[in-house]
N, C-alpha and C. Protein backbone atom coordinates (compact mmCIF):
# COMPACT_ATOMS: atom_id res chain seq x y z
N MET A 1 0.83 -1.21 -0.03
CA MET A 1 0.05 0.10 -0.02
C MET A 1 0.84 1.27 -0.02
N LEU A 2 0.67 2.12 -0.97
CA LEU A 2 1.38 3.31 -1.02
C LEU A 2 0.81 4.46 -0.12
N ALA A 3 1.71 5.26 0.46
CA ALA A 3 1.22 6.39 1.35
C ALA A 3 0.52 7.46 0.37
N ALA A 4 -0.47 8.05 0.97
CA ALA A 4 -1.21 8.93 0.12
C ALA A 4 -0.41 10.36 0.06
N ASP A 5 0.45 10.40 1.04
CA ASP A 5 1.37 11.77 1.01
C ASP A 5 2.73 11.51 1.51
N PRO A 6 3.56 10.78 0.68
CA PRO A 6 4.89 10.49 1.16
C PRO A 6 5.66 11.87 1.60
N ARG A 7 6.50 11.65 2.40
CA ARG A 7 7.30 12.88 2.84
C ARG A 7 8.48 12.95 1.74
N PRO A 8 8.86 14.22 1.60
CA PRO A 8 10.14 14.64 0.50
C PRO A 8 11.29 14.10 1.02
N MET A 9 12.13 13.63 0.05
CA MET A 9 13.34 13.06 0.28
C MET A 9 14.45 14.08 1.11
N SER A 10 14.22 15.28 0.86
CA SER A 10 14.91 16.20 1.68
C SER A 10 14.78 16.14 3.10
N LEU A 11 13.77 15.55 3.69
CA LEU A 11 13.59 15.34 5.08
C LEU A 11 13.84 13.94 5.42
N ALA A 12 14.35 13.00 4.69
CA ALA A 12 14.60 11.68 5.03
C ALA A 12 15.80 11.56 6.08
N PRO A 13 15.73 10.74 6.98
CA PRO A 13 16.83 10.70 8.06
C PRO A 13 18.11 9.79 7.17
N LEU A 14 19.16 10.69 7.45
CA LEU A 14 20.48 10.08 6.80
C LEU A 14 21.40 9.60 7.85
N ASP A 15 20.78 9.01 9.06
CA ASP A 15 21.56 8.33 10.07
C ASP A 15 21.41 7.00 10.19
N GLY A 16 21.07 6.17 8.98
CA GLY A 16 20.91 4.83 8.85
C GLY A 16 19.66 4.21 9.46
N THR A 17 18.74 5.01 9.88
CA THR A 17 17.44 4.57 10.24
C THR A 17 16.75 3.95 8.98
N PRO A 18 16.20 2.70 9.07
CA PRO A 18 15.45 2.05 8.10
C PRO A 18 14.06 2.89 8.04
N VAL A 19 13.59 3.05 6.68
CA VAL A 19 12.48 3.85 6.39
C VAL A 19 11.87 3.07 5.09
N ARG A 20 10.59 3.34 4.89
CA ARG A 20 9.88 2.75 3.57
C ARG A 20 10.17 3.93 2.55
N LEU A 21 10.88 3.44 1.45
CA LEU A 21 10.94 4.45 0.34
C LEU A 21 10.10 4.05 -0.71
N PHE A 22 9.80 5.06 -1.42
CA PHE A 22 8.71 4.93 -2.62
C PHE A 22 9.67 5.14 -3.94
N VAL A 23 9.66 4.04 -4.73
CA VAL A 23 10.36 4.03 -5.93
C VAL A 23 9.44 3.73 -7.04
N PHE A 24 10.07 3.63 -8.34
CA PHE A 24 9.14 3.46 -9.43
C PHE A 24 8.25 2.19 -9.27
N ALA A 25 8.77 1.02 -8.71
CA ALA A 25 8.09 -0.21 -8.71
C ALA A 25 7.14 -0.40 -7.49
N GLY A 26 7.12 0.59 -6.56
CA GLY A 26 6.19 0.40 -5.39
C GLY A 26 7.10 0.98 -4.11
N SER A 27 7.22 0.10 -3.08
CA SER A 27 7.91 0.62 -1.93
C SER A 27 8.86 -0.54 -1.38
N VAL A 28 9.95 0.00 -0.77
CA VAL A 28 10.91 -0.93 -0.18
C VAL A 28 11.31 -0.42 1.11
N ILE A 29 11.94 -1.28 1.99
CA ILE A 29 12.54 -0.80 3.24
C ILE A 29 14.06 -0.58 3.02
N ALA A 30 14.55 0.58 3.24
CA ALA A 30 15.94 0.90 2.99
C ALA A 30 16.55 1.77 4.02
N SER A 31 17.82 1.97 4.04
CA SER A 31 18.38 2.96 5.00
C SER A 31 19.62 3.73 4.22
N PHE A 32 19.98 4.88 4.62
CA PHE A 32 20.95 5.68 3.99
C PHE A 32 22.34 5.21 4.49
N TRP A 33 23.11 5.02 3.79
CA TRP A 33 24.67 4.66 4.03
C TRP A 33 25.53 5.78 3.56
N THR A 34 26.34 6.39 4.45
CA THR A 34 27.45 7.30 4.03
C THR A 34 28.63 6.49 3.77
N GLU A 35 29.42 7.32 2.99
CA GLU A 35 30.69 6.64 2.48
C GLU A 35 31.50 6.18 3.72
N GLY A 36 31.66 7.06 4.78
CA GLY A 36 32.29 6.64 6.05
C GLY A 36 31.67 5.47 6.62
N ARG A 37 30.35 5.35 6.68
CA ARG A 37 29.64 4.23 7.52
C ARG A 37 30.09 2.89 6.56
N CYS A 38 30.13 3.00 5.36
CA CYS A 38 30.49 1.72 4.44
C CYS A 38 31.95 1.36 4.63
N ARG A 39 32.68 2.32 4.73
CA ARG A 39 34.19 2.11 4.94
C ARG A 39 34.37 1.38 6.27
N GLU A 40 33.85 1.97 7.38
CA GLU A 40 33.87 1.23 8.75
C GLU A 40 33.18 -0.11 8.75
N THR A 41 32.13 -0.28 8.06
CA THR A 41 31.62 -1.57 8.09
C THR A 41 32.31 -2.69 7.03
N PHE A 42 32.59 -2.19 5.94
CA PHE A 42 33.06 -3.16 5.05
C PHE A 42 34.51 -3.12 4.70
N GLY A 43 35.32 -2.15 5.39
CA GLY A 43 36.79 -1.96 5.01
C GLY A 43 37.02 -1.12 3.74
N ALA A 44 38.25 -1.02 3.38
CA ALA A 44 38.59 -0.26 2.22
C ALA A 44 37.80 -0.60 1.04
N GLY A 45 37.62 0.42 0.18
CA GLY A 45 36.85 0.33 -1.07
C GLY A 45 36.40 1.57 -1.54
N ASP A 46 35.74 1.63 -2.74
CA ASP A 46 35.24 2.73 -3.34
C ASP A 46 33.73 2.84 -3.17
N TYR A 47 33.35 3.70 -1.99
CA TYR A 47 31.93 3.69 -1.87
C TYR A 47 31.36 5.14 -2.00
N ARG A 48 30.16 5.25 -2.08
CA ARG A 48 29.51 6.50 -2.18
C ARG A 48 28.19 6.52 -1.23
N ASP A 49 27.84 7.68 -0.92
CA ASP A 49 26.61 7.89 -0.06
C ASP A 49 25.38 7.34 -0.90
N GLY A 50 24.37 6.84 -0.29
CA GLY A 50 23.30 6.45 -1.03
C GLY A 50 22.35 5.68 -0.18
N TRP A 51 21.13 5.29 -0.75
CA TRP A 51 20.13 4.36 -0.10
C TRP A 51 20.39 3.16 -0.64
N TYR A 52 20.20 2.14 0.45
CA TYR A 52 20.51 0.71 0.13
C TYR A 52 19.42 -0.07 0.72
N LEU A 53 18.86 -1.20 0.12
CA LEU A 53 18.00 -2.19 0.61
C LEU A 53 18.49 -2.55 2.06
N VAL A 54 17.61 -2.69 2.99
CA VAL A 54 17.94 -3.22 4.40
C VAL A 54 18.35 -4.61 4.28
N ASP A 55 17.62 -5.44 3.39
CA ASP A 55 18.00 -6.95 3.27
C ASP A 55 18.92 -7.25 2.24
N ASP A 56 19.51 -6.37 1.60
CA ASP A 56 20.55 -6.71 0.57
C ASP A 56 21.34 -5.43 0.37
N ASP A 57 22.53 -5.26 1.12
CA ASP A 57 23.21 -3.90 1.14
C ASP A 57 23.94 -3.58 -0.20
N VAL A 58 23.99 -4.51 -1.24
CA VAL A 58 24.53 -4.23 -2.53
C VAL A 58 23.59 -3.56 -3.50
N VAL A 59 22.19 -3.56 -3.23
CA VAL A 59 21.32 -2.95 -4.03
C VAL A 59 21.06 -1.47 -3.60
N GLU A 60 21.63 -0.60 -4.50
CA GLU A 60 21.41 0.81 -4.34
C GLU A 60 20.18 1.25 -4.98
N LEU A 61 19.44 2.18 -4.27
CA LEU A 61 18.18 2.70 -4.83
C LEU A 61 18.32 4.12 -5.36
N ASP A 62 18.27 4.32 -6.65
CA ASP A 62 18.47 5.61 -7.19
C ASP A 62 17.11 6.42 -7.19
N ASP A 63 17.18 7.59 -6.98
CA ASP A 63 15.91 8.44 -7.31
C ASP A 63 14.62 8.04 -6.55
N PRO A 64 14.69 7.73 -5.26
CA PRO A 64 13.53 7.48 -4.66
C PRO A 64 12.64 8.75 -4.73
N TRP A 65 11.23 8.62 -4.70
CA TRP A 65 10.55 10.06 -4.84
C TRP A 65 9.86 10.34 -3.44
N GLY A 66 9.89 9.62 -2.43
CA GLY A 66 9.39 9.87 -1.08
C GLY A 66 9.68 8.78 -0.23
N TRP A 67 9.22 9.09 1.07
CA TRP A 67 9.55 8.09 2.25
C TRP A 67 8.56 8.27 3.32
N GLU A 68 8.42 7.27 4.21
CA GLU A 68 7.63 7.36 5.35
C GLU A 68 8.26 6.47 6.41
N PRO A 69 8.17 6.98 7.68
CA PRO A 69 8.62 6.13 8.76
C PRO A 69 7.99 4.66 8.81
N LEU A 70 8.58 3.69 9.34
CA LEU A 70 7.99 2.51 9.59
C LEU A 70 7.10 2.59 10.53
N THR A 71 5.89 1.81 10.48
CA THR A 71 4.78 2.00 11.27
C THR A 71 4.81 0.85 12.38
N ARG A 72 5.69 -0.23 12.17
CA ARG A 72 5.78 -1.33 13.09
C ARG A 72 7.01 -1.24 13.79
N ALA A 73 7.05 -1.97 15.09
CA ALA A 73 8.12 -1.71 15.93
C ALA A 73 9.42 -2.62 15.51
N CYS A 74 9.08 -3.54 14.47
CA CYS A 74 10.14 -4.50 14.01
C CYS A 74 9.88 -4.70 12.53
N VAL A 75 10.97 -5.04 11.84
CA VAL A 75 10.96 -5.34 10.46
C VAL A 75 11.71 -6.58 10.20
N ARG A 76 11.21 -7.40 9.18
CA ARG A 76 11.87 -8.69 8.86
C ARG A 76 12.91 -8.54 8.01
N VAL A 77 14.28 -9.03 8.46
CA VAL A 77 15.45 -8.89 7.58
C VAL A 77 15.97 -10.29 7.69
N GLU A 78 16.13 -10.81 6.38
CA GLU A 78 16.82 -12.08 6.09
C GLU A 78 16.39 -13.16 7.20
N ASN A 79 15.22 -13.33 7.39
CA ASN A 79 14.55 -14.44 8.35
C ASN A 79 14.96 -13.97 9.88
N GLU A 80 15.37 -12.73 10.09
CA GLU A 80 15.66 -12.36 11.51
C GLU A 80 14.72 -11.14 11.81
N THR A 81 14.31 -10.88 12.97
CA THR A 81 13.59 -9.80 13.37
C THR A 81 14.51 -8.74 13.92
N VAL A 82 14.51 -7.75 13.32
CA VAL A 82 15.51 -6.50 13.82
C VAL A 82 14.51 -5.51 14.48
N SER A 83 14.92 -5.18 15.81
CA SER A 83 13.98 -4.07 16.50
C SER A 83 14.53 -2.86 16.07
N LEU A 84 13.36 -1.96 15.81
CA LEU A 84 13.77 -0.67 15.41
C LEU A 84 13.67 0.39 16.54
N MET A 85 13.45 -0.12 17.80
CA MET A 85 13.46 0.64 19.02
C MET A 85 14.80 0.51 19.71
N PRO A 86 15.38 1.63 20.35
CA PRO A 86 16.77 1.48 20.94
C PRO A 86 16.44 0.74 22.09
């Protein structure tokens, strides 16, 4: 189900918080990764800032047109439940 009024990408959290992104094919759960966060997590390499799928960190999402916060306290990721609450 697509949000009736998705939030603009300029207001999306860039701290790695998972959100629902709206893209041309529907919606996906993704988070923003900075170049520095990638380097800390994966080691040396040629990285760039961008939105990546939560369940597949090699799939970068170009040009999402909106976002909304996740409405559930948990999200399923690769057969594991990941809490979104601190």
